[in-house]
mmCIF file of all heavy atoms, coordinates in Angstrom:
data_MODEL
# 
_entry.id   MODEL 
# 
loop_
_atom_site.group_PDB 
_atom_site.id 
_atom_site.type_symbol 
_atom_site.label_atom_id 
_atom_site.label_alt_id 
_atom_site.label_comp_id 
_atom_site.label_asym_id 
_atom_site.label_entity_id 
_atom_site.label_seq_id 
_atom_site.pdbx_PDB_ins_code 
_atom_site.Cartn_x 
_atom_site.Cartn_y 
_atom_site.Cartn_z 
_atom_site.occupancy 
_atom_site.B_iso_or_equiv 
_atom_site.pdbx_formal_charge 
_atom_site.auth_seq_id 
_atom_site.auth_comp_id 
_atom_site.auth_asym_id 
_atom_site.auth_atom_id 
_atom_site.pdbx_PDB_model_num 
ATOM 1   N N   . ASN A 1 1  ? -0.006 -15.144 24.187 1.00 0.00 ? 1  ASN A N   1 
ATOM 2   C CA  . ASN A 1 1  ? -0.554 -15.697 25.421 1.00 0.00 ? 1  ASN A CA  1 
ATOM 3   C C   . ASN A 1 1  ? -1.750 -14.903 25.921 1.00 0.00 ? 1  ASN A C   1 
ATOM 4   O O   . ASN A 1 1  ? -2.195 -13.940 25.290 1.00 0.00 ? 1  ASN A O   1 
ATOM 5   C CB  . ASN A 1 1  ? 0.528  -15.835 26.497 1.00 0.00 ? 1  ASN A CB  1 
ATOM 6   C CG  . ASN A 1 1  ? 1.071  -14.484 26.965 1.00 0.00 ? 1  ASN A CG  1 
ATOM 7   O OD1 . ASN A 1 1  ? 0.430  -13.445 26.822 1.00 0.00 ? 1  ASN A OD1 1 
ATOM 8   N ND2 . ASN A 1 1  ? 2.278  -14.513 27.537 1.00 0.00 ? 1  ASN A ND2 1 
ATOM 9   N N   . GLN A 1 2  ? -2.255 -15.274 27.087 1.00 0.00 ? 2  GLN A N   1 
ATOM 10  C CA  . GLN A 1 2  ? -3.484 -14.680 27.617 1.00 0.00 ? 2  GLN A CA  1 
ATOM 11  C C   . GLN A 1 2  ? -3.323 -13.207 27.981 1.00 0.00 ? 2  GLN A C   1 
ATOM 12  O O   . GLN A 1 2  ? -4.308 -12.489 28.125 1.00 0.00 ? 2  GLN A O   1 
ATOM 13  C CB  . GLN A 1 2  ? -3.956 -15.481 28.838 1.00 0.00 ? 2  GLN A CB  1 
ATOM 14  C CG  . GLN A 1 2  ? -4.345 -16.914 28.511 1.00 0.00 ? 2  GLN A CG  1 
ATOM 15  C CD  . GLN A 1 2  ? -4.722 -17.704 29.743 1.00 0.00 ? 2  GLN A CD  1 
ATOM 16  O OE1 . GLN A 1 2  ? -4.769 -17.174 30.851 1.00 0.00 ? 2  GLN A OE1 1 
ATOM 17  N NE2 . GLN A 1 2  ? -4.994 -18.992 29.574 1.00 0.00 ? 2  GLN A NE2 1 
ATOM 18  N N   . LYS A 1 3  ? -2.074 -12.755 28.137 1.00 0.00 ? 3  LYS A N   1 
ATOM 19  C CA  . LYS A 1 3  ? -1.829 -11.344 28.431 1.00 0.00 ? 3  LYS A CA  1 
ATOM 20  C C   . LYS A 1 3  ? -1.544 -10.525 27.178 1.00 0.00 ? 3  LYS A C   1 
ATOM 21  O O   . LYS A 1 3  ? -1.269 -9.333  27.260 1.00 0.00 ? 3  LYS A O   1 
ATOM 22  C CB  . LYS A 1 3  ? -0.655 -11.213 29.400 1.00 0.00 ? 3  LYS A CB  1 
ATOM 23  C CG  . LYS A 1 3  ? -0.939 -11.820 30.776 1.00 0.00 ? 3  LYS A CG  1 
ATOM 24  C CD  . LYS A 1 3  ? 0.252  -11.628 31.712 1.00 0.00 ? 3  LYS A CD  1 
ATOM 25  C CE  . LYS A 1 3  ? -0.019 -12.208 33.090 1.00 0.00 ? 3  LYS A CE  1 
ATOM 26  N NZ  . LYS A 1 3  ? 1.138  -12.027 34.005 1.00 0.00 ? 3  LYS A NZ  1 
ATOM 27  N N   . GLY A 1 4  ? -1.566 -11.178 26.005 1.00 0.00 ? 4  GLY A N   1 
ATOM 28  C CA  . GLY A 1 4  ? -1.329 -10.469 24.749 1.00 0.00 ? 4  GLY A CA  1 
ATOM 29  C C   . GLY A 1 4  ? 0.133  -10.397 24.357 1.00 0.00 ? 4  GLY A C   1 
ATOM 30  O O   . GLY A 1 4  ? 0.472  -9.770  23.354 1.00 0.00 ? 4  GLY A O   1 
ATOM 31  N N   . LYS A 1 5  ? 1.011  -11.051 25.143 1.00 0.00 ? 5  LYS A N   1 
ATOM 32  C CA  . LYS A 1 5  ? 2.435  -11.032 24.836 1.00 0.00 ? 5  LYS A CA  1 
ATOM 33  C C   . LYS A 1 5  ? 2.812  -12.235 23.967 1.00 0.00 ? 5  LYS A C   1 
ATOM 34  O O   . LYS A 1 5  ? 2.151  -13.281 24.025 1.00 0.00 ? 5  LYS A O   1 
ATOM 35  C CB  . LYS A 1 5  ? 3.269  -11.041 26.124 1.00 0.00 ? 5  LYS A CB  1 
ATOM 36  C CG  . LYS A 1 5  ? 3.080  -9.793  26.975 1.00 0.00 ? 5  LYS A CG  1 
ATOM 37  C CD  . LYS A 1 5  ? 3.952  -9.835  28.221 1.00 0.00 ? 5  LYS A CD  1 
ATOM 38  C CE  . LYS A 1 5  ? 3.800  -8.561  29.049 1.00 0.00 ? 5  LYS A CE  1 
ATOM 39  N NZ  . LYS A 1 5  ? 4.654  -8.590  30.262 1.00 0.00 ? 5  LYS A NZ  1 
ATOM 40  N N   . VAL A 1 6  ? 3.858  -12.062 23.181 1.00 0.00 ? 6  VAL A N   1 
ATOM 41  C CA  . VAL A 1 6  ? 4.323  -13.147 22.323 1.00 0.00 ? 6  VAL A CA  1 
ATOM 42  C C   . VAL A 1 6  ? 5.156  -14.105 23.162 1.00 0.00 ? 6  VAL A C   1 
ATOM 43  O O   . VAL A 1 6  ? 6.221  -13.748 23.677 1.00 0.00 ? 6  VAL A O   1 
ATOM 44  C CB  . VAL A 1 6  ? 5.134  -12.607 21.127 1.00 0.00 ? 6  VAL A CB  1 
ATOM 45  C CG1 . VAL A 1 6  ? 5.729  -13.767 20.323 1.00 0.00 ? 6  VAL A CG1 1 
ATOM 46  C CG2 . VAL A 1 6  ? 4.244  -11.749 20.237 1.00 0.00 ? 6  VAL A CG2 1 
ATOM 47  N N   . GLU A 1 7  ? 4.656  -15.329 23.297 1.00 0.00 ? 7  GLU A N   1 
ATOM 48  C CA  . GLU A 1 7  ? 5.316  -16.336 24.123 1.00 0.00 ? 7  GLU A CA  1 
ATOM 49  C C   . GLU A 1 7  ? 6.304  -17.161 23.305 1.00 0.00 ? 7  GLU A C   1 
ATOM 50  O O   . GLU A 1 7  ? 7.317  -17.640 23.819 1.00 0.00 ? 7  GLU A O   1 
ATOM 51  C CB  . GLU A 1 7  ? 4.253  -17.248 24.738 1.00 0.00 ? 7  GLU A CB  1 
ATOM 52  C CG  . GLU A 1 7  ? 4.748  -18.093 25.881 1.00 0.00 ? 7  GLU A CG  1 
ATOM 53  C CD  . GLU A 1 7  ? 3.588  -18.738 26.619 1.00 0.00 ? 7  GLU A CD  1 
ATOM 54  O OE1 . GLU A 1 7  ? 2.890  -18.014 27.372 1.00 0.00 ? 7  GLU A OE1 1 
ATOM 55  O OE2 . GLU A 1 7  ? 3.382  -19.954 26.427 1.00 0.00 ? 7  GLU A OE2 1 
ATOM 56  N N   . GLN A 1 8  ? 6.006  -17.304 22.012 1.00 0.00 ? 8  GLN A N   1 
ATOM 57  C CA  . GLN A 1 8  ? 6.849  -18.138 21.172 1.00 0.00 ? 8  GLN A CA  1 
ATOM 58  C C   . GLN A 1 8  ? 6.665  -17.706 19.718 1.00 0.00 ? 8  GLN A C   1 
ATOM 59  O O   . GLN A 1 8  ? 5.586  -17.272 19.313 1.00 0.00 ? 8  GLN A O   1 
ATOM 60  C CB  . GLN A 1 8  ? 6.442  -19.609 21.341 1.00 0.00 ? 8  GLN A CB  1 
ATOM 61  C CG  . GLN A 1 8  ? 7.408  -20.603 20.725 1.00 0.00 ? 8  GLN A CG  1 
ATOM 62  C CD  . GLN A 1 8  ? 6.968  -22.042 21.006 1.00 0.00 ? 8  GLN A CD  1 
ATOM 63  O OE1 . GLN A 1 8  ? 6.043  -22.285 21.757 1.00 0.00 ? 8  GLN A OE1 1 
ATOM 64  N NE2 . GLN A 1 8  ? 7.639  -22.991 20.381 1.00 0.00 ? 8  GLN A NE2 1 
ATOM 65  N N   . ALA A 1 9  ? 7.708  -17.824 18.919 1.00 0.00 ? 9  ALA A N   1 
ATOM 66  C CA  . ALA A 1 9  ? 7.630  -17.515 17.487 1.00 0.00 ? 9  ALA A CA  1 
ATOM 67  C C   . ALA A 1 9  ? 8.434  -18.558 16.715 1.00 0.00 ? 9  ALA A C   1 
ATOM 68  O O   . ALA A 1 9  ? 9.562  -18.885 17.094 1.00 0.00 ? 9  ALA A O   1 
ATOM 69  C CB  . ALA A 1 9  ? 8.163  -16.114 17.203 1.00 0.00 ? 9  ALA A CB  1 
ATOM 70  N N   . LYS A 1 10 ? 7.837  -19.096 15.658 1.00 0.00 ? 10 LYS A N   1 
ATOM 71  C CA  . LYS A 1 10 ? 8.477  -20.124 14.844 1.00 0.00 ? 10 LYS A CA  1 
ATOM 72  C C   . LYS A 1 10 ? 8.456  -19.697 13.381 1.00 0.00 ? 10 LYS A C   1 
ATOM 73  O O   . LYS A 1 10 ? 7.482  -19.095 12.913 1.00 0.00 ? 10 LYS A O   1 
ATOM 74  C CB  . LYS A 1 10 ? 7.747  -21.464 14.985 1.00 0.00 ? 10 LYS A CB  1 
ATOM 75  C CG  . LYS A 1 10 ? 7.735  -22.045 16.392 1.00 0.00 ? 10 LYS A CG  1 
ATOM 76  C CD  . LYS A 1 10 ? 6.960  -23.347 16.408 1.00 0.00 ? 10 LYS A CD  1 
ATOM 77  C CE  . LYS A 1 10 ? 6.932  -23.974 17.797 1.00 0.00 ? 10 LYS A CE  1 
ATOM 78  N NZ  . LYS A 1 10 ? 6.150  -25.245 17.800 1.00 0.00 ? 10 LYS A NZ  1 
ATOM 79  N N   . ILE A 1 11 ? 9.515  -20.030 12.672 1.00 0.00 ? 11 ILE A N   1 
ATOM 80  C CA  . ILE A 1 11 ? 9.562  -19.746 11.235 1.00 0.00 ? 11 ILE A CA  1 
ATOM 81  C C   . ILE A 1 11 ? 8.840  -20.855 10.487 1.00 0.00 ? 11 ILE A C   1 
ATOM 82  O O   . ILE A 1 11 ? 9.182  -22.036 10.603 1.00 0.00 ? 11 ILE A O   1 
ATOM 83  C CB  . ILE A 1 11 ? 11.020 -19.627 10.751 1.00 0.00 ? 11 ILE A CB  1 
ATOM 84  C CG1 . ILE A 1 11 ? 11.693 -18.412 11.400 1.00 0.00 ? 11 ILE A CG1 1 
ATOM 85  C CG2 . ILE A 1 11 ? 11.070 -19.508 9.226  1.00 0.00 ? 11 ILE A CG2 1 
ATOM 86  C CD1 . ILE A 1 11 ? 13.162 -18.266 11.059 1.00 0.00 ? 11 ILE A CD1 1 
ATOM 87  N N   . VAL A 1 12 ? 7.813  -20.470 9.738  1.00 0.00 ? 12 VAL A N   1 
ATOM 88  C CA  . VAL A 1 12 ? 7.068  -21.400 8.903  1.00 0.00 ? 12 VAL A CA  1 
ATOM 89  C C   . VAL A 1 12 ? 7.715  -21.496 7.532  1.00 0.00 ? 12 VAL A C   1 
ATOM 90  O O   . VAL A 1 12 ? 7.877  -22.577 6.972  1.00 0.00 ? 12 VAL A O   1 
ATOM 91  C CB  . VAL A 1 12 ? 5.592  -20.961 8.774  1.00 0.00 ? 12 VAL A CB  1 
ATOM 92  C CG1 . VAL A 1 12 ? 4.828  -21.904 7.842  1.00 0.00 ? 12 VAL A CG1 1 
ATOM 93  C CG2 . VAL A 1 12 ? 4.929  -20.906 10.138 1.00 0.00 ? 12 VAL A CG2 1 
ATOM 94  N N   . GLU A 1 13 ? 8.078  -20.343 6.990  1.00 0.00 ? 13 GLU A N   1 
ATOM 95  C CA  . GLU A 1 13 ? 8.749  -20.298 5.692  1.00 0.00 ? 13 GLU A CA  1 
ATOM 96  C C   . GLU A 1 13 ? 9.860  -19.267 5.747  1.00 0.00 ? 13 GLU A C   1 
ATOM 97  O O   . GLU A 1 13 ? 9.615  -18.080 5.994  1.00 0.00 ? 13 GLU A O   1 
ATOM 98  C CB  . GLU A 1 13 ? 7.765  -19.950 4.578  1.00 0.00 ? 13 GLU A CB  1 
ATOM 99  C CG  . GLU A 1 13 ? 8.379  -20.016 3.188  1.00 0.00 ? 13 GLU A CG  1 
ATOM 100 C CD  . GLU A 1 13 ? 7.355  -19.856 2.081  1.00 0.00 ? 13 GLU A CD  1 
ATOM 101 O OE1 . GLU A 1 13 ? 6.157  -20.110 2.334  1.00 0.00 ? 13 GLU A OE1 1 
ATOM 102 O OE2 . GLU A 1 13 ? 7.764  -19.467 0.969  1.00 0.00 ? 13 GLU A OE2 1 
ATOM 103 N N   . SER A 1 14 ? 11.093 -19.727 5.539  1.00 0.00 ? 14 SER A N   1 
ATOM 104 C CA  . SER A 1 14 ? 12.269 -18.861 5.632  1.00 0.00 ? 14 SER A CA  1 
ATOM 105 C C   . SER A 1 14 ? 12.375 -17.938 4.421  1.00 0.00 ? 14 SER A C   1 
ATOM 106 O O   . SER A 1 14 ? 11.885 -18.246 3.332  1.00 0.00 ? 14 SER A O   1 
ATOM 107 C CB  . SER A 1 14 ? 13.530 -19.717 5.741  1.00 0.00 ? 14 SER A CB  1 
ATOM 108 O OG  . SER A 1 14 ? 14.701 -18.941 5.587  1.00 0.00 ? 14 SER A OG  1 
ATOM 109 N N   . SER A 1 15 ? 13.037 -16.807 4.633  1.00 0.00 ? 15 SER A N   1 
ATOM 110 C CA  . SER A 1 15 ? 13.339 -15.884 3.539  1.00 0.00 ? 15 SER A CA  1 
ATOM 111 C C   . SER A 1 15 ? 14.489 -16.409 2.681  1.00 0.00 ? 15 SER A C   1 
ATOM 112 O O   . SER A 1 15 ? 14.718 -15.929 1.573  1.00 0.00 ? 15 SER A O   1 
ATOM 113 C CB  . SER A 1 15 ? 13.725 -14.516 4.103  1.00 0.00 ? 15 SER A CB  1 
ATOM 114 O OG  . SER A 1 15 ? 14.942 -14.623 4.843  1.00 0.00 ? 15 SER A OG  1 
ATOM 115 N N   . GLY A 1 16 ? 15.218 -17.371 3.240  1.00 0.00 ? 16 GLY A N   1 
ATOM 116 C CA  . GLY A 1 16 ? 16.416 -17.855 2.569  1.00 0.00 ? 16 GLY A CA  1 
ATOM 117 C C   . GLY A 1 16 ? 17.676 -17.174 3.069  1.00 0.00 ? 16 GLY A C   1 
ATOM 118 O O   . GLY A 1 16 ? 18.785 -17.526 2.652  1.00 0.00 ? 16 GLY A O   1 
ATOM 119 N N   . TYR A 1 17 ? 17.505 -16.214 3.983  1.00 0.00 ? 17 TYR A N   1 
ATOM 120 C CA  . TYR A 1 17 ? 18.635 -15.471 4.527  1.00 0.00 ? 17 TYR A CA  1 
ATOM 121 C C   . TYR A 1 17 ? 18.532 -15.473 6.043  1.00 0.00 ? 17 TYR A C   1 
ATOM 122 O O   . TYR A 1 17 ? 17.526 -15.016 6.619  1.00 0.00 ? 17 TYR A O   1 
ATOM 123 C CB  . TYR A 1 17 ? 18.663 -14.031 4.010  1.00 0.00 ? 17 TYR A CB  1 
ATOM 124 C CG  . TYR A 1 17 ? 18.797 -13.920 2.511  1.00 0.00 ? 17 TYR A CG  1 
ATOM 125 C CD1 . TYR A 1 17 ? 17.671 -13.716 1.721  1.00 0.00 ? 17 TYR A CD1 1 
ATOM 126 C CD2 . TYR A 1 17 ? 20.040 -14.032 1.895  1.00 0.00 ? 17 TYR A CD2 1 
ATOM 127 C CE1 . TYR A 1 17 ? 17.778 -13.616 0.344  1.00 0.00 ? 17 TYR A CE1 1 
ATOM 128 C CE2 . TYR A 1 17 ? 20.165 -13.927 0.515  1.00 0.00 ? 17 TYR A CE2 1 
ATOM 129 C CZ  . TYR A 1 17 ? 19.025 -13.725 -0.255 1.00 0.00 ? 17 TYR A CZ  1 
ATOM 130 O OH  . TYR A 1 17 ? 19.145 -13.638 -1.612 1.00 0.00 ? 17 TYR A OH  1 
ATOM 131 N N   . LYS A 1 18 ? 19.573 -15.958 6.699  1.00 0.00 ? 18 LYS A N   1 
ATOM 132 C CA  . LYS A 1 18 ? 19.562 -16.051 8.153  1.00 0.00 ? 18 LYS A CA  1 
ATOM 133 C C   . LYS A 1 18 ? 19.376 -14.690 8.809  1.00 0.00 ? 18 LYS A C   1 
ATOM 134 O O   . LYS A 1 18 ? 18.652 -14.545 9.792  1.00 0.00 ? 18 LYS A O   1 
ATOM 135 C CB  . LYS A 1 18 ? 20.866 -16.685 8.637  1.00 0.00 ? 18 LYS A CB  1 
ATOM 136 C CG  . LYS A 1 18 ? 20.923 -16.903 10.141 1.00 0.00 ? 18 LYS A CG  1 
ATOM 137 C CD  . LYS A 1 18 ? 22.243 -17.546 10.553 1.00 0.00 ? 18 LYS A CD  1 
ATOM 138 C CE  . LYS A 1 18 ? 22.292 -17.740 12.066 1.00 0.00 ? 18 LYS A CE  1 
ATOM 139 N NZ  . LYS A 1 18 ? 23.589 -18.357 12.492 1.00 0.00 ? 18 LYS A NZ  1 
ATOM 140 N N   . VAL A 1 19 ? 20.014 -13.657 8.235  1.00 0.00 ? 19 VAL A N   1 
ATOM 141 C CA  . VAL A 1 19 ? 19.949 -12.333 8.838  1.00 0.00 ? 19 VAL A CA  1 
ATOM 142 C C   . VAL A 1 19 ? 18.528 -11.786 8.837  1.00 0.00 ? 19 VAL A C   1 
ATOM 143 O O   . VAL A 1 19 ? 18.092 -11.123 9.792  1.00 0.00 ? 19 VAL A O   1 
ATOM 144 C CB  . VAL A 1 19 ? 20.925 -11.360 8.118  1.00 0.00 ? 19 VAL A CB  1 
ATOM 145 C CG1 . VAL A 1 19 ? 20.510 -11.123 6.679  1.00 0.00 ? 19 VAL A CG1 1 
ATOM 146 C CG2 . VAL A 1 19 ? 21.027 -10.042 8.866  1.00 0.00 ? 19 VAL A CG2 1 
ATOM 147 N N   . LEU A 1 20 ? 17.753 -12.067 7.769  1.00 0.00 ? 20 LEU A N   1 
ATOM 148 C CA  . LEU A 1 20 ? 16.361 -11.598 7.717  1.00 0.00 ? 20 LEU A CA  1 
ATOM 149 C C   . LEU A 1 20 ? 15.471 -12.436 8.632  1.00 0.00 ? 20 LEU A C   1 
ATOM 150 O O   . LEU A 1 20 ? 14.560 -11.899 9.292  1.00 0.00 ? 20 LEU A O   1 
ATOM 151 C CB  . LEU A 1 20 ? 15.832 -11.651 6.284  1.00 0.00 ? 20 LEU A CB  1 
ATOM 152 C CG  . LEU A 1 20 ? 16.532 -10.744 5.267  1.00 0.00 ? 20 LEU A CG  1 
ATOM 153 C CD1 . LEU A 1 20 ? 15.803 -10.805 3.925  1.00 0.00 ? 20 LEU A CD1 1 
ATOM 154 C CD2 . LEU A 1 20 ? 16.598 -9.303  5.760  1.00 0.00 ? 20 LEU A CD2 1 
ATOM 155 N N   . ASP A 1 21 ? 15.721 -13.761 8.678  1.00 0.00 ? 21 ASP A N   1 
ATOM 156 C CA  . ASP A 1 21 ? 14.934 -14.621 9.566  1.00 0.00 ? 21 ASP A CA  1 
ATOM 157 C C   . ASP A 1 21 ? 15.103 -14.206 11.021 1.00 0.00 ? 21 ASP A C   1 
ATOM 158 O O   . ASP A 1 21 ? 14.125 -14.109 11.783 1.00 0.00 ? 21 ASP A O   1 
ATOM 159 C CB  . ASP A 1 21 ? 15.360 -16.081 9.390  1.00 0.00 ? 21 ASP A CB  1 
ATOM 160 C CG  . ASP A 1 21 ? 14.991 -16.647 8.019  1.00 0.00 ? 21 ASP A CG  1 
ATOM 161 O OD1 . ASP A 1 21 ? 14.224 -15.981 7.304  1.00 0.00 ? 21 ASP A OD1 1 
ATOM 162 O OD2 . ASP A 1 21 ? 15.477 -17.743 7.683  1.00 0.00 ? 21 ASP A OD2 1 
ATOM 163 N N   . GLU A 1 22 ? 16.347 -13.928 11.420 1.00 0.00 ? 22 GLU A N   1 
ATOM 164 C CA  . GLU A 1 22 ? 16.604 -13.512 12.811 1.00 0.00 ? 22 GLU A CA  1 
ATOM 165 C C   . GLU A 1 22 ? 15.971 -12.161 13.109 1.00 0.00 ? 22 GLU A C   1 
ATOM 166 O O   . GLU A 1 22 ? 15.452 -11.943 14.213 1.00 0.00 ? 22 GLU A O   1 
ATOM 167 C CB  . GLU A 1 22 ? 18.111 -13.474 13.060 1.00 0.00 ? 22 GLU A CB  1 
ATOM 168 C CG  . GLU A 1 22 ? 18.760 -14.848 13.075 1.00 0.00 ? 22 GLU A CG  1 
ATOM 169 C CD  . GLU A 1 22 ? 20.261 -14.779 13.268 1.00 0.00 ? 22 GLU A CD  1 
ATOM 170 O OE1 . GLU A 1 22 ? 20.833 -13.660 13.141 1.00 0.00 ? 22 GLU A OE1 1 
ATOM 171 O OE2 . GLU A 1 22 ? 20.872 -15.824 13.569 1.00 0.00 ? 22 GLU A OE2 1 
ATOM 172 N N   . ALA A 1 23 ? 16.004 -11.248 12.147 1.00 0.00 ? 23 ALA A N   1 
ATOM 173 C CA  . ALA A 1 23 ? 15.373 -9.937  12.343 1.00 0.00 ? 23 ALA A CA  1 
ATOM 174 C C   . ALA A 1 23 ? 13.864 -10.078 12.499 1.00 0.00 ? 23 ALA A C   1 
ATOM 175 O O   . ALA A 1 23 ? 13.234 -9.370  13.298 1.00 0.00 ? 23 ALA A O   1 
ATOM 176 C CB  . ALA A 1 23 ? 15.703 -9.019  11.169 1.00 0.00 ? 23 ALA A CB  1 
ATOM 177 N N   . ALA A 1 24 ? 13.251 -10.999 11.744 1.00 0.00 ? 24 ALA A N   1 
ATOM 178 C CA  . ALA A 1 24 ? 11.807 -11.218 11.848 1.00 0.00 ? 24 ALA A CA  1 
ATOM 179 C C   . ALA A 1 24 ? 11.429 -11.793 13.211 1.00 0.00 ? 24 ALA A C   1 
ATOM 180 O O   . ALA A 1 24 ? 10.434 -11.401 13.822 1.00 0.00 ? 24 ALA A O   1 
ATOM 181 C CB  . ALA A 1 24 ? 11.346 -12.145 10.726 1.00 0.00 ? 24 ALA A CB  1 
ATOM 182 N N   . LEU A 1 25 ? 12.247 -12.757 13.718 1.00 0.00 ? 25 LEU A N   1 
ATOM 183 C CA  . LEU A 1 25 ? 11.978 -13.337 15.030 1.00 0.00 ? 25 LEU A CA  1 
ATOM 184 C C   . LEU A 1 25 ? 12.138 -12.303 16.146 1.00 0.00 ? 25 LEU A C   1 
ATOM 185 O O   . LEU A 1 25 ? 11.336 -12.260 17.090 1.00 0.00 ? 25 LEU A O   1 
ATOM 186 C CB  . LEU A 1 25 ? 12.921 -14.519 15.281 1.00 0.00 ? 25 LEU A CB  1 
ATOM 187 C CG  . LEU A 1 25 ? 12.643 -15.791 14.466 1.00 0.00 ? 25 LEU A CG  1 
ATOM 188 C CD1 . LEU A 1 25 ? 13.779 -16.793 14.643 1.00 0.00 ? 25 LEU A CD1 1 
ATOM 189 C CD2 . LEU A 1 25 ? 11.311 -16.417 14.868 1.00 0.00 ? 25 LEU A CD2 1 
ATOM 190 N N   . GLU A 1 26 ? 13.174 -11.468 16.046 1.00 0.00 ? 26 GLU A N   1 
ATOM 191 C CA  . GLU A 1 26 ? 13.379 -10.409 17.040 1.00 0.00 ? 26 GLU A CA  1 
ATOM 192 C C   . GLU A 1 26 ? 12.205 -9.433  17.041 1.00 0.00 ? 26 GLU A C   1 
ATOM 193 O O   . GLU A 1 26 ? 11.724 -9.008  18.091 1.00 0.00 ? 26 GLU A O   1 
ATOM 194 C CB  . GLU A 1 26 ? 14.678 -9.668  16.751 1.00 0.00 ? 26 GLU A CB  1 
ATOM 195 C CG  . GLU A 1 26 ? 14.979 -8.554  17.763 1.00 0.00 ? 26 GLU A CG  1 
ATOM 196 C CD  . GLU A 1 26 ? 16.201 -7.747  17.395 1.00 0.00 ? 26 GLU A CD  1 
ATOM 197 O OE1 . GLU A 1 26 ? 16.773 -7.973  16.308 1.00 0.00 ? 26 GLU A OE1 1 
ATOM 198 O OE2 . GLU A 1 26 ? 16.572 -6.868  18.194 1.00 0.00 ? 26 GLU A OE2 1 
ATOM 199 N N   . TYR A 1 27 ? 11.759 -9.068  15.848 1.00 0.00 ? 27 TYR A N   1 
ATOM 200 C CA  . TYR A 1 27 ? 10.607 -8.168  15.699 1.00 0.00 ? 27 TYR A CA  1 
ATOM 201 C C   . TYR A 1 27 ? 9.357  -8.774  16.336 1.00 0.00 ? 27 TYR A C   1 
ATOM 202 O O   . TYR A 1 27 ? 8.633  -8.113  17.094 1.00 0.00 ? 27 TYR A O   1 
ATOM 203 C CB  . TYR A 1 27 ? 10.396 -7.897  14.217 1.00 0.00 ? 27 TYR A CB  1 
ATOM 204 C CG  . TYR A 1 27 ? 9.050  -7.333  13.844 1.00 0.00 ? 27 TYR A CG  1 
ATOM 205 C CD1 . TYR A 1 27 ? 8.648  -6.075  14.279 1.00 0.00 ? 27 TYR A CD1 1 
ATOM 206 C CD2 . TYR A 1 27 ? 8.181  -8.064  13.037 1.00 0.00 ? 27 TYR A CD2 1 
ATOM 207 C CE1 . TYR A 1 27 ? 7.425  -5.555  13.916 1.00 0.00 ? 27 TYR A CE1 1 
ATOM 208 C CE2 . TYR A 1 27 ? 6.948  -7.554  12.671 1.00 0.00 ? 27 TYR A CE2 1 
ATOM 209 C CZ  . TYR A 1 27 ? 6.572  -6.302  13.115 1.00 0.00 ? 27 TYR A CZ  1 
ATOM 210 O OH  . TYR A 1 27 ? 5.357  -5.779  12.766 1.00 0.00 ? 27 TYR A OH  1 
ATOM 211 N N   . ALA A 1 28 ? 9.093  -10.063 16.052 1.00 0.00 ? 28 ALA A N   1 
ATOM 212 C CA  . ALA A 1 28 ? 7.891  -10.719 16.569 1.00 0.00 ? 28 ALA A CA  1 
ATOM 213 C C   . ALA A 1 28 ? 7.878  -10.733 18.098 1.00 0.00 ? 28 ALA A C   1 
ATOM 214 O O   . ALA A 1 28 ? 6.818  -10.592 18.721 1.00 0.00 ? 28 ALA A O   1 
ATOM 215 C CB  . ALA A 1 28 ? 7.799  -12.136 16.029 1.00 0.00 ? 28 ALA A CB  1 
ATOM 216 N N   . SER A 1 29 ? 9.058  -10.873 18.709 1.00 0.00 ? 29 SER A N   1 
ATOM 217 C CA  . SER A 1 29 ? 9.134  -10.944 20.170 1.00 0.00 ? 29 SER A CA  1 
ATOM 218 C C   . SER A 1 29 ? 8.706  -9.650  20.850 1.00 0.00 ? 29 SER A C   1 
ATOM 219 O O   . SER A 1 29 ? 8.361  -9.644  22.031 1.00 0.00 ? 29 SER A O   1 
ATOM 220 C CB  . SER A 1 29 ? 10.561 -11.304 20.594 1.00 0.00 ? 29 SER A CB  1 
ATOM 221 O OG  . SER A 1 29 ? 11.454 -10.224 20.329 1.00 0.00 ? 29 SER A OG  1 
# 
């Protein structure tokens, strides 16, 4: 967003593992 904070994160291509996908989303936030 305009303040440089992550407002939203979407998975474009999954790793194939839910645990890694969730870790990536948490990291992005």
